[in-house]
Amino acid sequence: QVQLVESGGGLVQAGGSLRLSCAASGRTFSSYTMVWFRQAPGKEREFVAAIRWSGGTSYYADSVKGRFTISRDNTKNTVYLQMNSLKPEDTAKYYCALSGYSGTYYREHNVDYWGKGTLVTVSS
């Protein structure tokens, strides 16, 4: 079975940084896109960033452009989300997801597999 396991969440002060990791296993991912979503309390799950396993083309939500960077290590089947200049509004549970869709923006219906999420809390 496909498994996506997130790690790296925690508590950080505004202006600080965190690096999230997502380890993928269970199949070949070369034709897929790895996607990060987040969901804050009382809000809908929203797209954050995506990266193609092959080629490494990446896409970002406007809210995180210039602050977050998505990357991947194909030899480890791991995708990362480097989050800098964190704001309280970045507080959310961050989910790793795998999608067979090739686009610039991802919605929940584009996702084939989900991780269980990792909590990120940014204090003011």
PDB file of N, CA and C in Angstrom:
ATOM      1  N   GLN A   1       0.833  -1.189   0.000  1.00  0.00           N
ATOM      2  CA  GLN A   1       0.000   0.000   0.000  1.00  0.00           C
ATOM      3  C   GLN A   1       0.873   1.246   0.000  1.00  0.00           C
ATOM      4  N   VAL A   2       0.356   2.307  -0.597  1.00  0.00           N
ATOM      5  CA  VAL A   2       1.044   3.584  -0.587  1.00  0.00           C
ATOM      6  C   VAL A   2       0.959   4.172   0.812  1.00  0.00           C
ATOM      7  N   GLN A   3       2.091   4.648   1.315  1.00  0.00           N
ATOM      8  CA  GLN A   3       2.132   5.307   2.606  1.00  0.00           C
ATOM      9  C   GLN A   3       2.862   6.632   2.484  1.00  0.00           C
ATOM     10  N   LEU A   4       2.302   7.658   3.099  1.00  0.00           N
ATOM     11  CA  LEU A   4       2.895   8.976   3.150  1.00  0.00           C
ATOM     12  C   LEU A   4       2.992   9.365   4.617  1.00  0.00           C
ATOM     13  N   VAL A   5       4.197   9.623   5.091  1.00  0.00           N
ATOM     14  CA  VAL A   5       4.417   9.912   6.501  1.00  0.00           C
ATOM     15  C   VAL A   5       5.097  11.264   6.647  1.00  0.00           C
ATOM     16  N   GLU A   6       4.373  12.215   7.245  1.00  0.00           N
ATOM     17  CA  GLU A   6       4.901  13.556   7.460  1.00  0.00           C
ATOM     18  C   GLU A   6       5.641  13.643   8.789  1.00  0.00           C
ATOM     19  N   SER A   7       6.592  14.561   8.854  1.00  0.00           N
ATOM     20  CA  SER A   7       7.298  14.839  10.089  1.00  0.00           C
ATOM     21  C   SER A   7       7.846  16.261  10.037  1.00  0.00           C
ATOM     22  N   GLY A   8       8.272  16.779  11.180  1.00  0.00           N
ATOM     23  CA  GLY A   8       8.912  18.079  11.238  1.00  0.00           C
ATOM     24  C   GLY A   8       8.060  19.203  11.784  1.00  0.00           C
ATOM     25  N   GLY A   9       6.798  18.948  12.057  1.00  0.00           N
ATOM     26  CA  GLY A   9       5.945  19.978  12.613  1.00  0.00           C
ATOM     27  C   GLY A   9       6.327  20.300  14.042  1.00  0.00           C
ATOM     28  N   GLY A  10       5.814  21.419  14.535  1.00  0.00           N
ATOM     29  CA  GLY A  10       6.109  21.827  15.895  1.00  0.00           C
ATOM     30  C   GLY A  10       5.675  23.241  16.163  1.00  0.00           C
ATOM     31  N   LEU A  11       6.189  23.784  17.252  1.00  0.00           N
ATOM     32  CA  LEU A  11       5.878  25.146  17.682  1.00  0.00           C
ATOM     33  C   LEU A  11       7.033  26.068  17.347  1.00  0.00           C
ATOM     34  N   VAL A  12       6.726  27.197  16.734  1.00  0.00           N
ATOM     35  CA  VAL A  12       7.751  28.165  16.365  1.00  0.00           C
ATOM     36  C   VAL A  12       7.177  29.569  16.506  1.00  0.00           C
ATOM     37  N   GLN A  13       8.025  30.525  16.844  1.00  0.00           N
ATOM     38  CA  GLN A  13       7.591  31.910  16.937  1.00  0.00           C
ATOM     39  C   GLN A  13       7.494  32.546  15.559  1.00  0.00           C
ATOM     40  N   ALA A  14       6.658  33.568  15.446  1.00  0.00           N
ATOM     41  CA  ALA A  14       6.530  34.295  14.193  1.00  0.00           C
ATOM     42  C   ALA A  14       7.895  34.776  13.713  1.00  0.00           C
ATOM     43  N   GLY A  15       8.137  34.611  12.416  1.00  0.00           N
ATOM     44  CA  GLY A  15       9.420  34.962  11.834  1.00  0.00           C
ATOM     45  C   GLY A  15      10.402  33.819  11.776  1.00  0.00           C
ATOM     46  N   GLY A  16      10.085  32.732  12.441  1.00  0.00           N
ATOM     47  CA  GLY A  16      10.958  31.575  12.472  1.00  0.00           C
ATOM     48  C   GLY A  16      10.758  30.655  11.287  1.00  0.00           C
ATOM     49  N   SER A  17      11.436  29.503  11.339  1.00  0.00           N
ATOM     50  CA  SER A  17      11.418  28.551  10.236  1.00  0.00           C
ATOM     51  C   SER A  17      11.190  27.132  10.718  1.00  0.00           C
ATOM     52  N   LEU A  18      10.616  26.323   9.850  1.00  0.00           N
ATOM     53  CA  LEU A  18      10.461  24.895  10.057  1.00  0.00           C
ATOM     54  C   LEU A  18      10.642  24.193   8.724  1.00  0.00           C
ATOM     55  N   ARG A  19      11.094  22.952   8.784  1.00  0.00           N
ATOM     56  CA  ARG A  19      11.219  22.133   7.588  1.00  0.00           C
ATOM     57  C   ARG A  19      10.411  20.863   7.769  1.00  0.00           C
ATOM     58  N   LEU A  20       9.413  20.686   6.933  1.00  0.00           N
ATOM     59  CA  LEU A  20       8.589  19.490   6.964  1.00  0.00           C
ATOM     60  C   LEU A  20       9.121  18.458   5.978  1.00  0.00           C
ATOM     61  N   SER A  21       8.956  17.194   6.325  1.00  0.00           N
ATOM     62  CA  SER A  21       9.360  16.103   5.457  1.00  0.00           C
ATOM     63  C   SER A  21       8.182  15.169   5.225  1.00  0.00           C
ATOM     64  N   CYS A  22       8.154  14.541   4.071  1.00  0.00           N
ATOM     65  CA  CYS A  22       7.150  13.532   3.756  1.00  0.00           C
ATOM     66  C   CYS A  22       7.846  12.364   3.079  1.00  0.00           C
ATOM     67  N   ALA A  23       7.874  11.235   3.754  1.00  0.00           N
ATOM     68  CA  ALA A  23       8.474  10.026   3.215  1.00  0.00           C
ATOM     69  C   ALA A  23       7.399   9.179   2.552  1.00  0.00           C
ATOM     70  N   ALA A  24       7.612   8.857   1.285  1.00  0.00           N
ATOM     71  CA  ALA A  24       6.642   8.091   0.510  1.00  0.00           C
ATOM     72  C   ALA A  24       7.164   6.676   0.256  1.00  0.00           C
ATOM     73  N   SER A  25       6.263   5.714   0.278  1.00  0.00           N
ATOM     74  CA  SER A  25       6.639   4.330   0.019  1.00  0.00           C
ATOM     75  C   SER A  25       5.462   3.568  -0.566  1.00  0.00           C
ATOM     76  N   GLY A  26       5.747   2.411  -1.161  1.00  0.00           N
ATOM     77  CA  GLY A  26       4.687   1.526  -1.610  1.00  0.00           C
ATOM     78  C   GLY A  26       4.524   1.375  -3.108  1.00  0.00           C
ATOM     79  N   ARG A  27       5.123   2.262  -3.892  1.00  0.00           N
ATOM     80  CA  ARG A  27       5.000   2.197  -5.345  1.00  0.00           C
ATOM     81  C   ARG A  27       6.016   3.117  -6.003  1.00  0.00           C
ATOM     82  N   THR A  28       6.014   3.114  -7.337  1.00  0.00           N
ATOM     83  CA  THR A  28       6.832   4.044  -8.106  1.00  0.00           C
ATOM     84  C   THR A  28       6.080   5.359  -8.253  1.00  0.00           C
ATOM     85  N   PHE A  29       6.770   6.465  -8.000  1.00  0.00           N
ATOM     86  CA  PHE A  29       6.122   7.776  -7.978  1.00  0.00           C
ATOM     87  C   PHE A  29       6.529   8.689  -9.137  1.00  0.00           C
ATOM     88  N   SER A  30       7.282   8.188 -10.090  1.00  0.00           N
ATOM     89  CA  SER A  30       7.867   9.034 -11.113  1.00  0.00           C
ATOM     90  C   SER A  30       6.856   9.810 -11.951  1.00  0.00           C
ATOM     91  N   SER A  31       5.667   9.287 -12.129  1.00  0.00           N
ATOM     92  CA  SER A  31       4.655   9.949 -12.943  1.00  0.00           C
ATOM     93  C   SER A  31       3.675  10.779 -12.110  1.00  0.00           C
ATOM     94  N   TYR A  32       3.952  10.940 -10.837  1.00  0.00           N
ATOM     95  CA  TYR A  32       3.046  11.619  -9.922  1.00  0.00           C
ATOM     96  C   TYR A  32       3.573  12.976  -9.481  1.00  0.00           C
ATOM     97  N   THR A  33       2.690  13.706  -8.815  1.00  0.00           N
ATOM     98  CA  THR A  33       3.021  14.978  -8.199  1.00  0.00           C
ATOM     99  C   THR A  33       2.824  14.864  -6.695  1.00  0.00           C
ATOM    100  N   MET A  34       3.781  15.353  -5.929  1.00  0.00           N
ATOM    101  CA  MET A  34       3.635  15.410  -4.483  1.00  0.00           C
ATOM    102  C   MET A  34       3.140  16.795  -4.105  1.00  0.00           C
ATOM    103  N   VAL A  35       2.158  16.829  -3.240  1.00  0.00           N
ATOM    104  CA  VAL A  35       1.469  18.075  -2.921  1.00  0.00           C
ATOM    105  C   VAL A  35       1.411  18.269  -1.411  1.00  0.00           C
ATOM    106  N   TRP A  36       1.574  19.505  -0.972  1.00  0.00           N
ATOM    107  CA  TRP A  36       1.328  19.882   0.417  1.00  0.00           C
ATOM    108  C   TRP A  36       0.033  20.685   0.505  1.00  0.00           C
ATOM    109  N   PHE A  37      -0.817  20.281   1.437  1.00  0.00           N
ATOM    110  CA  PHE A  37      -2.015  21.022   1.794  1.00  0.00           C
ATOM    111  C   PHE A  37      -1.904  21.422   3.260  1.00  0.00           C
ATOM    112  N   ARG A  38      -2.766  22.331   3.691  1.00  0.00           N
ATOM    113  CA  ARG A  38      -2.852  22.648   5.107  1.00  0.00           C
ATOM    114  C   ARG A  38      -4.299  22.969   5.466  1.00  0.00           C
ATOM    115  N   GLN A  39      -4.621  22.755   6.726  1.00  0.00           N
ATOM    116  CA  GLN A  39      -5.962  23.034   7.206  1.00  0.00           C
ATOM    117  C   GLN A  39      -5.888  23.632   8.602  1.00  0.00           C
ATOM    118  N   ALA A  40      -6.342  24.872   8.723  1.00  0.00           N
ATOM    119  CA  ALA A  40      -6.396  25.555   9.995  1.00  0.00           C
ATOM    120  C   ALA A  40      -7.740  25.274  10.656  1.00  0.00           C
ATOM    121  N   PRO A  41      -7.814  25.409  11.976  1.00  0.00           N
ATOM    122  CA  PRO A  41      -9.087  25.175  12.669  1.00  0.00           C
ATOM    123  C   PRO A  41     -10.207  26.036  12.107  1.00  0.00           C
ATOM    124  N   GLY A  42     -11.325  25.406  11.781  1.00  0.00           N
ATOM    125  CA  GLY A  42     -12.476  26.123  11.274  1.00  0.00           C
ATOM    126  C   GLY A  42     -12.404  26.529   9.821  1.00  0.00           C
ATOM    127  N   LYS A  43     -11.351  26.131   9.123  1.00  0.00           N
ATOM    128  CA  LYS A  43     -11.188  26.492   7.724  1.00  0.00           C
ATOM    129  C   LYS A  43     -11.104  25.251   6.839  1.00  0.00           C
ATOM    130  N   GLU A  44     -11.287  25.462   5.543  1.00  0.00           N
ATOM    131  CA  GLU A  44     -11.180  24.379   4.581  1.00  0.00           C
ATOM    132  C   GLU A  44      -9.717  24.046   4.314  1.00  0.00           C
ATOM    133  N   ARG A  45      -9.482  22.821   3.893  1.00  0.00           N
ATOM    134  CA  ARG A  45      -8.142  22.418   3.517  1.00  0.00           C
ATOM    135  C   ARG A  45      -7.734  23.163   2.246  1.00  0.00           C
ATOM    136  N   GLU A  46      -6.526  23.732   2.242  1.00  0.00           N
ATOM    137  CA  GLU A  46      -6.094  24.533   1.115  1.00  0.00           C
ATOM    138  C   GLU A  46      -4.752  24.065   0.560  1.00  0.00           C
ATOM    139  N   PHE A  47      -4.578  24.290  -0.720  1.00  0.00           N
ATOM    140  CA  PHE A  47      -3.343  23.966  -1.414  1.00  0.00           C
ATOM    141  C   PHE A  47      -2.215  24.876  -0.956  1.00  0.00           C
ATOM    142  N   VAL A  48      -1.030  24.307  -0.765  1.00  0.00           N
ATOM    143  CA  VAL A  48       0.146  25.068  -0.357  1.00  0.00           C
ATOM    144  C   VAL A  48       1.213  25.054  -1.446  1.00  0.00           C
ATOM    145  N   ALA A  49       1.645  23.861  -1.857  1.00  0.00           N
ATOM    146  CA  ALA A  49       2.712  23.741  -2.844  1.00  0.00           C
ATOM    147  C   ALA A  49       2.682  22.356  -3.465  1.00  0.00           C
ATOM    148  N   ALA A  50       3.283  22.220  -4.650  1.00  0.00           N
ATOM    149  CA  ALA A  50       3.345  20.936  -5.341  1.00  0.00           C
ATOM    150  C   ALA A  50       4.645  20.825  -6.106  1.00  0.00           C
ATOM    151  N   ILE A  51       5.100  19.595  -6.303  1.00  0.00           N
ATOM    152  CA  ILE A  51       6.313  19.348  -7.074  1.00  0.00           C
ATOM    153  C   ILE A  51       6.176  18.036  -7.832  1.00  0.00           C
ATOM    154  N   ARG A  52       6.598  18.048  -9.095  1.00  0.00           N
ATOM    155  CA  ARG A  52       6.598  16.841  -9.900  1.00  0.00           C
ATOM    156  C   ARG A  52       7.780  15.968  -9.522  1.00  0.00           C
ATOM    157  N   TRP A  53       7.533  14.659  -9.351  1.00  0.00           N
ATOM    158  CA  TRP A  53       8.629  13.745  -9.050  1.00  0.00           C
ATOM    159  C   TRP A  53       9.667  13.732 -10.168  1.00  0.00           C
ATOM    160  N   SER A  54       9.208  13.755 -11.404  1.00  0.00           N
ATOM    161  CA  SER A  54      10.110  13.814 -12.547  1.00  0.00           C
ATOM    162  C   SER A  54      10.257  15.254 -13.000  1.00  0.00           C
ATOM    163  N   GLY A  55      11.481  15.749 -12.989  1.00  0.00           N
ATOM    164  CA  GLY A  55      11.754  17.101 -13.445  1.00  0.00           C
ATOM    165  C   GLY A  55      11.799  18.134 -12.343  1.00  0.00           C
ATOM    166  N   GLY A  56      10.987  17.963 -11.303  1.00  0.00           N
ATOM    167  CA  GLY A  56      11.032  18.860 -10.161  1.00  0.00           C
ATOM    168  C   GLY A  56      10.336  20.192 -10.334  1.00  0.00           C
ATOM    169  N   THR A  57       9.499  20.343 -11.356  1.00  0.00           N
ATOM    170  CA  THR A  57       8.742  21.580 -11.520  1.00  0.00           C
ATOM    171  C   THR A  57       7.839  21.791 -10.312  1.00  0.00           C
ATOM    172  N   SER A  58       7.846  23.003  -9.766  1.00  0.00           N
ATOM    173  CA  SER A  58       7.104  23.283  -8.552  1.00  0.00           C
ATOM    174  C   SER A  58       6.094  24.407  -8.732  1.00  0.00           C
ATOM    175  N   TYR A  59       5.095  24.417  -7.852  1.00  0.00           N
ATOM    176  CA  TYR A  59       4.019  25.401  -7.888  1.00  0.00           C
ATOM    177  C   TYR A  59       3.660  25.775  -6.456  1.00  0.00           C
ATOM    178  N   TYR A  60       3.228  27.030  -6.255  1.00  0.00           N
ATOM    179  CA  TYR A  60       2.941  27.524  -4.921  1.00  0.00           C
ATOM    180  C   TYR A  60       1.649  28.316  -4.881  1.00  0.00           C
ATOM    181  N   ALA A  61       0.991  28.251  -3.735  1.00  0.00           N
ATOM    182  CA  ALA A  61      -0.122  29.146  -3.482  1.00  0.00           C
ATOM    183  C   ALA A  61       0.417  30.559  -3.286  1.00  0.00           C
ATOM    184  N   ASP A  62      -0.371  31.552  -3.668  1.00  0.00           N
ATOM    185  CA  ASP A  62       0.070  32.936  -3.545  1.00  0.00           C
ATOM    186  C   ASP A  62       0.435  33.299  -2.104  1.00  0.00           C
ATOM    187  N   SER A  63      -0.245  32.713  -1.144  1.00  0.00           N
ATOM    188  CA  SER A  63      -0.036  33.046   0.252  1.00  0.00           C
ATOM    189  C   SER A  63       1.336  32.646   0.794  1.00  0.00           C
ATOM    190  N   VAL A  64       2.032  31.733   0.099  1.00  0.00           N
ATOM    191  CA  VAL A  64       3.323  31.263   0.598  1.00  0.00           C
ATOM    192  C   VAL A  64       4.475  31.543  -0.356  1.00  0.00           C
ATOM    193  N   LYS A  65       4.208  32.108  -1.510  1.00  0.00           N
ATOM    194  CA  LYS A  65       5.268  32.400  -2.465  1.00  0.00           C
ATOM    195  C   LYS A  65       6.309  33.329  -1.852  1.00  0.00           C
ATOM    196  N   GLY A  66       7.567  32.987  -2.042  1.00  0.00           N
ATOM    197  CA  GLY A  66       8.654  33.785  -1.494  1.00  0.00           C
ATOM    198  C   GLY A  66       9.044  33.408  -0.088  1.00  0.00           C
ATOM    199  N   ARG A  67       8.224  32.615   0.591  1.00  0.00           N
ATOM    200  CA  ARG A  67       8.512  32.193   1.963  1.00  0.00           C
ATOM    201  C   ARG A  67       8.730  30.691   2.083  1.00  0.00           C
ATOM    202  N   PHE A  68       7.985  29.903   1.322  1.00  0.00           N
ATOM    203  CA  PHE A  68       8.074  28.445   1.377  1.00  0.00           C
ATOM    204  C   PHE A  68       8.774  27.919   0.134  1.00  0.00           C
ATOM    205  N   THR A  69       9.504  26.823   0.292  1.00  0.00           N
ATOM    206  CA  THR A  69      10.160  26.160  -0.819  1.00  0.00           C
ATOM    207  C   THR A  69       9.908  24.661  -0.744  1.00  0.00           C
ATOM    208  N   ILE A  70       9.403  24.088  -1.830  1.00  0.00           N
ATOM    209  CA  ILE A  70       9.190  22.655  -1.900  1.00  0.00           C
ATOM    210  C   ILE A  70      10.331  22.022  -2.689  1.00  0.00           C
ATOM    211  N   SER A  71      10.781  20.860  -2.254  1.00  0.00           N
ATOM    212  CA  SER A  71      11.854  20.153  -2.934  1.00  0.00           C
ATOM    213  C   SER A  71      11.674  18.655  -2.737  1.00  0.00           C
ATOM    214  N   ARG A  72      12.444  17.869  -3.488  1.00  0.00           N
ATOM    215  CA  ARG A  72      12.337  16.421  -3.324  1.00  0.00           C
ATOM    216  C   ARG A  72      13.681  15.748  -3.515  1.00  0.00           C
ATOM    217  N   ASP A  73      13.839  14.605  -2.871  1.00  0.00           N
ATOM    218  CA  ASP A  73      15.005  13.757  -3.010  1.00  0.00           C
ATOM    219  C   ASP A  73      14.488  12.428  -3.548  1.00  0.00           C
ATOM    220  N   ASN A  74      14.654  12.207  -4.848  1.00  0.00           N
ATOM    221  CA  ASN A  74      14.100  11.013  -5.476  1.00  0.00           C
ATOM    222  C   ASN A  74      14.728   9.720  -4.962  1.00  0.00           C
ATOM    223  N   THR A  75      15.992   9.784  -4.555  1.00  0.00           N
ATOM    224  CA  THR A  75      16.656   8.586  -4.054  1.00  0.00           C
ATOM    225  C   THR A  75      16.077   8.133  -2.726  1.00  0.00           C
ATOM    226  N   LYS A  76      15.479   9.064  -1.978  1.00  0.00           N
ATOM    227  CA  LYS A  76      14.880   8.755  -0.683  1.00  0.00           C
ATOM    228  C   LYS A  76      13.359   8.722  -0.728  1.00  0.00           C
ATOM    229  N   ASN A  77      12.784   9.018  -1.905  1.00  0.00           N
ATOM    230  CA  ASN A  77      11.330   9.129  -2.038  1.00  0.00           C
ATOM    231  C   ASN A  77      10.754  10.060  -0.970  1.00  0.00           C
ATOM    232  N   THR A  78      11.406  11.195  -0.806  1.00  0.00           N
ATOM    233  CA  THR A  78      11.031  12.144   0.226  1.00  0.00           C
ATOM    234  C   THR A  78      10.859  13.534  -0.372  1.00  0.00           C
ATOM    235  N   VAL A  79       9.806  14.217   0.047  1.00  0.00           N
ATOM    236  CA  VAL A  79       9.571  15.595  -0.352  1.00  0.00           C
ATOM    237  C   VAL A  79       9.660  16.472   0.889  1.00  0.00           C
ATOM    238  N   TYR A  80      10.140  17.703   0.719  1.00  0.00           N
ATOM    239  CA  TYR A  80      10.340  18.621   1.825  1.00  0.00           C
ATOM    240  C   TYR A  80       9.576  19.913   1.582  1.00  0.00           C
ATOM    241  N   LEU A  81       9.221  20.565   2.671  1.00  0.00           N
ATOM    242  CA  LEU A  81       8.652  21.898   2.606  1.00  0.00           C
ATOM    243  C   LEU A  81       9.406  22.766   3.600  1.00  0.00           C
ATOM    244  N   GLN A  82      10.278  23.620   3.084  1.00  0.00           N
ATOM    245  CA  GLN A  82      11.006  24.565   3.908  1.00  0.00           C
ATOM    246  C   GLN A  82      10.145  25.801   4.086  1.00  0.00           C
ATOM    247  N   MET A  83       9.818  26.124   5.325  1.00  0.00           N
ATOM    248  CA  MET A  83       8.932  27.231   5.630  1.00  0.00           C
ATOM    249  C   MET A  83       9.710  28.298   6.387  1.00  0.00           C
ATOM    250  N   ASN A  84       9.867  29.461   5.787  1.00  0.00           N
ATOM    251  CA  ASN A  84      10.575  30.579   6.390  1.00  0.00           C
ATOM    252  C   ASN A  84       9.626  31.742   6.623  1.00  0.00           C
ATOM    253  N   SER A  85      10.059  32.674   7.457  1.00  0.00           N
ATOM    254  CA  SER A  85       9.262  33.867   7.760  1.00  0.00           C
ATOM    255  C   SER A  85       7.836  33.498   8.131  1.00  0.00           C
ATOM    256  N   LEU A  86       7.709  32.547   9.012  1.00  0.00           N
ATOM    257  CA  LEU A  86       6.388  32.036   9.378  1.00  0.00           C
ATOM    258  C   LEU A  86       5.545  33.088  10.084  1.00  0.00           C
ATOM    259  N   LYS A  87       4.261  33.034   9.801  1.00  0.00           N
ATOM    260  CA  LYS A  87       3.282  33.954  10.358  1.00  0.00           C
ATOM    261  C   LYS A  87       2.257  33.169  11.167  1.00  0.00           C
ATOM    262  N   PRO A  88       1.596  33.818  12.125  1.00  0.00           N
ATOM    263  CA  PRO A  88       0.550  33.109  12.878  1.00  0.00           C
ATOM    264  C   PRO A  88      -0.508  32.491  11.984  1.00  0.00           C
ATOM    265  N   GLU A  89      -0.817  33.119  10.865  1.00  0.00           N
ATOM    266  CA  GLU A  89      -1.817  32.581   9.955  1.00  0.00           C
ATOM    267  C   GLU A  89      -1.364  31.322   9.224  1.00  0.00           C
ATOM    268  N   ASP A  90      -0.088  30.953   9.359  1.00  0.00           N
ATOM    269  CA  ASP A  90       0.403  29.693   8.817  1.00  0.00           C
ATOM    270  C   ASP A  90       0.087  28.517   9.732  1.00  0.00           C
ATOM    271  N   THR A  91      -0.402  28.794  10.925  1.00  0.00           N
ATOM    272  CA  THR A  91      -0.753  27.741  11.867  1.00  0.00           C
ATOM    273  C   THR A  91      -1.814  26.832  11.265  1.00  0.00           C
ATOM    274  N   ALA A  92      -1.511  25.543  11.200  1.00  0.00           N
ATOM    275  CA  ALA A  92      -2.418  24.587  10.575  1.00  0.00           C
ATOM    276  C   ALA A  92      -1.838  23.186  10.709  1.00  0.00           C
ATOM    277  N   LYS A  93      -2.655  22.208  10.371  1.00  0.00           N
ATOM    278  CA  LYS A  93      -2.157  20.857  10.195  1.00  0.00           C
ATOM    279  C   LYS A  93      -1.768  20.718   8.727  1.00  0.00           C
ATOM    280  N   TYR A  94      -0.531  20.338   8.486  1.00  0.00           N
ATOM    281  CA  TYR A  94      -0.015  20.231   7.134  1.00  0.00           C
ATOM    282  C   TYR A  94      -0.043  18.779   6.668  1.00  0.00           C
ATOM    283  N   TYR A  95      -0.611  18.564   5.481  1.00  0.00           N
ATOM    284  CA  TYR A  95      -0.793  17.230   4.933  1.00  0.00           C
ATOM    285  C   TYR A  95       0.033  17.037   3.671  1.00  0.00           C
ATOM    286  N   CYS A  96       0.681  15.910   3.587  1.00  0.00           N
ATOM    287  CA  CYS A  96       1.349  15.474   2.376  1.00  0.00           C
ATOM    288  C   CYS A  96       0.362  14.652   1.551  1.00  0.00           C
ATOM    289  N   ALA A  97       0.389  14.818   0.233  1.00  0.00           N
ATOM    290  CA  ALA A  97      -0.537  14.104  -0.633  1.00  0.00           C
ATOM    291  C   ALA A  97       0.133  13.730  -1.944  1.00  0.00           C
ATOM    292  N   LEU A  98      -0.384  12.687  -2.575  1.00  0.00           N
ATOM    293  CA  LEU A  98       0.120  12.221  -3.860  1.00  0.00           C
ATOM    294  C   LEU A  98      -0.991  12.334  -4.883  1.00  0.00           C
ATOM    295  N   SER A  99      -0.671  12.914  -6.036  1.00  0.00           N
ATOM    296  CA  SER A  99      -1.674  13.143  -7.064  1.00  0.00           C
ATOM    297  C   SER A  99      -1.174  12.712  -8.437  1.00  0.00           C
ATOM    298  N   GLY A 100      -2.056  12.109  -9.234  1.00  0.00           N
ATOM    299  CA  GLY A 100      -1.749  11.777 -10.610  1.00  0.00           C
ATOM    300  C   GLY A 100      -2.074  12.909 -11.566  1.00  0.00           C
ATOM    301  N   TYR A 101      -2.569  14.011 -11.044  1.00  0.00           N
ATOM    302  CA  TYR A 101      -2.936  15.168 -11.844  1.00  0.00           C
ATOM    303  C   TYR A 101      -1.709  16.026 -12.127  1.00  0.00           C
ATOM    304  N   SER A 102      -1.622  16.583 -13.323  1.00  0.00           N
ATOM    305  CA  SER A 102      -0.530  17.469 -13.701  1.00  0.00           C
ATOM    306  C   SER A 102      -1.093  18.857 -13.944  1.00  0.00           C
ATOM    307  N   GLY A 103      -0.998  19.706 -12.933  1.00  0.00           N
ATOM    308  CA  GLY A 103      -1.510  21.052 -13.041  1.00  0.00           C
ATOM    309  C   GLY A 103      -0.690  22.024 -12.226  1.00  0.00           C
ATOM    310  N   THR A 104      -1.172  23.249 -12.141  1.00  0.00           N
ATOM    311  CA  THR A 104      -0.482  24.295 -11.397  1.00  0.00           C
ATOM    312  C   THR A 104      -1.136  24.589 -10.059  1.00  0.00           C
ATOM    313  N   TYR A 105      -2.341  24.093  -9.851  1.00  0.00           N
ATOM    314  CA  TYR A 105      -3.084  24.299  -8.625  1.00  0.00           C
ATOM    315  C   TYR A 105      -3.848  23.027  -8.311  1.00  0.00           C
ATOM    316  N   TYR A 106      -3.853  22.608  -7.054  1.00  0.00           N
ATOM    317  CA  TYR A 106      -4.456  21.334  -6.674  1.00  0.00           C
ATOM    318  C   TYR A 106      -5.564  21.511  -5.656  1.00  0.00           C
ATOM    319  N   ARG A 107      -6.627  20.760  -5.870  1.00  0.00           N
ATOM    320  CA  ARG A 107      -7.741  20.708  -4.953  1.00  0.00           C
ATOM    321  C   ARG A 107      -7.828  19.302  -4.366  1.00  0.00           C
ATOM    322  N   GLU A 108      -8.646  19.140  -3.342  1.00  0.00           N
ATOM    323  CA  GLU A 108      -8.729  17.842  -2.674  1.00  0.00           C
ATOM    324  C   GLU A 108      -9.126  16.723  -3.627  1.00  0.00           C
ATOM    325  N   HIS A 109      -9.972  17.010  -4.609  1.00  0.00           N
ATOM    326  CA  HIS A 109     -10.428  15.952  -5.516  1.00  0.00           C
ATOM    327  C   HIS A 109      -9.334  15.484  -6.467  1.00  0.00           C
ATOM    328  N   ASN A 110      -8.214  16.218  -6.533  1.00  0.00           N
ATOM    329  CA  ASN A 110      -7.085  15.809  -7.356  1.00  0.00           C
ATOM    330  C   ASN A 110      -6.185  14.800  -6.645  1.00  0.00           C
ATOM    331  N   VAL A 111      -6.413  14.561  -5.367  1.00  0.00           N
ATOM    332  CA  VAL A 111      -5.525  13.747  -4.557  1.00  0.00           C
ATOM    333  C   VAL A 111      -5.903  12.273  -4.602  1.00  0.00           C
ATOM    334  N   ASP A 112      -4.895  11.410  -4.786  1.00  0.00           N
ATOM    335  CA  ASP A 112      -5.093   9.970  -4.773  1.00  0.00           C
ATOM    336  C   ASP A 112      -4.767   9.350  -3.415  1.00  0.00           C
ATOM    337  N   TYR A 113      -3.779   9.899  -2.715  1.00  0.00           N
ATOM    338  CA  TYR A 113      -3.361   9.379  -1.412  1.00  0.00           C
ATOM    339  C   TYR A 113      -3.031  10.531  -0.481  1.00  0.00           C
ATOM    340  N   TRP A 114      -3.354  10.353   0.806  1.00  0.00           N
ATOM    341  CA  TRP A 114      -3.099  11.355   1.839  1.00  0.00           C
ATOM    342  C   TRP A 114      -2.227  10.809   2.955  1.00  0.00           C
ATOM    343  N   GLY A 115      -1.381  11.671   3.507  1.00  0.00           N
ATOM    344  CA  GLY A 115      -0.728  11.379   4.759  1.00  0.00           C
ATOM    345  C   GLY A 115      -1.641  11.774   5.902  1.00  0.00           C
ATOM    346  N   LYS A 116      -1.207  11.513   7.129  1.00  0.00           N
ATOM    347  CA  LYS A 116      -2.036  11.810   8.297  1.00  0.00           C
ATOM    348  C   LYS A 116      -1.857  13.227   8.818  1.00  0.00           C
ATOM    349  N   GLY A 117      -0.845  13.930   8.355  1.00  0.00           N
ATOM    350  CA  GLY A 117      -0.647  15.317   8.709  1.00  0.00           C
ATOM    351  C   GLY A 117       0.327  15.528   9.860  1.00  0.00           C
ATOM    352  N   THR A 118       0.871  16.729   9.933  1.00  0.00           N
ATOM    353  CA  THR A 118       1.743  17.137  11.027  1.00  0.00           C
ATOM    354  C   THR A 118       1.389  18.568  11.412  1.00  0.00           C
ATOM    355  N   LEU A 119       1.325  18.831  12.706  1.00  0.00           N
ATOM    356  CA  LEU A 119       0.875  20.127  13.201  1.00  0.00           C
ATOM    357  C   LEU A 119       1.996  21.158  13.192  1.00  0.00           C
ATOM    358  N   VAL A 120       1.650  22.353  12.724  1.00  0.00           N
ATOM    359  CA  VAL A 120       2.547  23.500  12.765  1.00  0.00           C
ATOM    360  C   VAL A 120       1.827  24.620  13.503  1.00  0.00           C
ATOM    361  N   THR A 121       2.427  25.109  14.575  1.00  0.00           N
ATOM    362  CA  THR A 121       1.851  26.192  15.348  1.00  0.00           C
ATOM    363  C   THR A 121       2.829  27.358  15.387  1.00  0.00           C
ATOM    364  N   VAL A 122       2.377  28.513  14.929  1.00  0.00           N
ATOM    365  CA  VAL A 122       3.206  29.710  14.903  1.00  0.00           C
ATOM    366  C   VAL A 122       2.636  30.697  15.915  1.00  0.00           C
ATOM    367  N   SER A 123       3.412  31.015  16.922  1.00  0.00           N
ATOM    368  CA  SER A 123       2.970  31.916  17.975  1.00  0.00           C
ATOM    369  C   SER A 123       3.369  33.347  17.666  1.00  0.00           C
ATOM    370  N   SER A 124       2.594  34.292  18.190  1.00  0.00           N
ATOM    371  CA  SER A 124       2.878  35.707  18.000  1.00  0.00           C
ATOM    372  C   SER A 124       3.571  36.314  19.199  1.00  0.00           C
TER     373      SER A 124
END
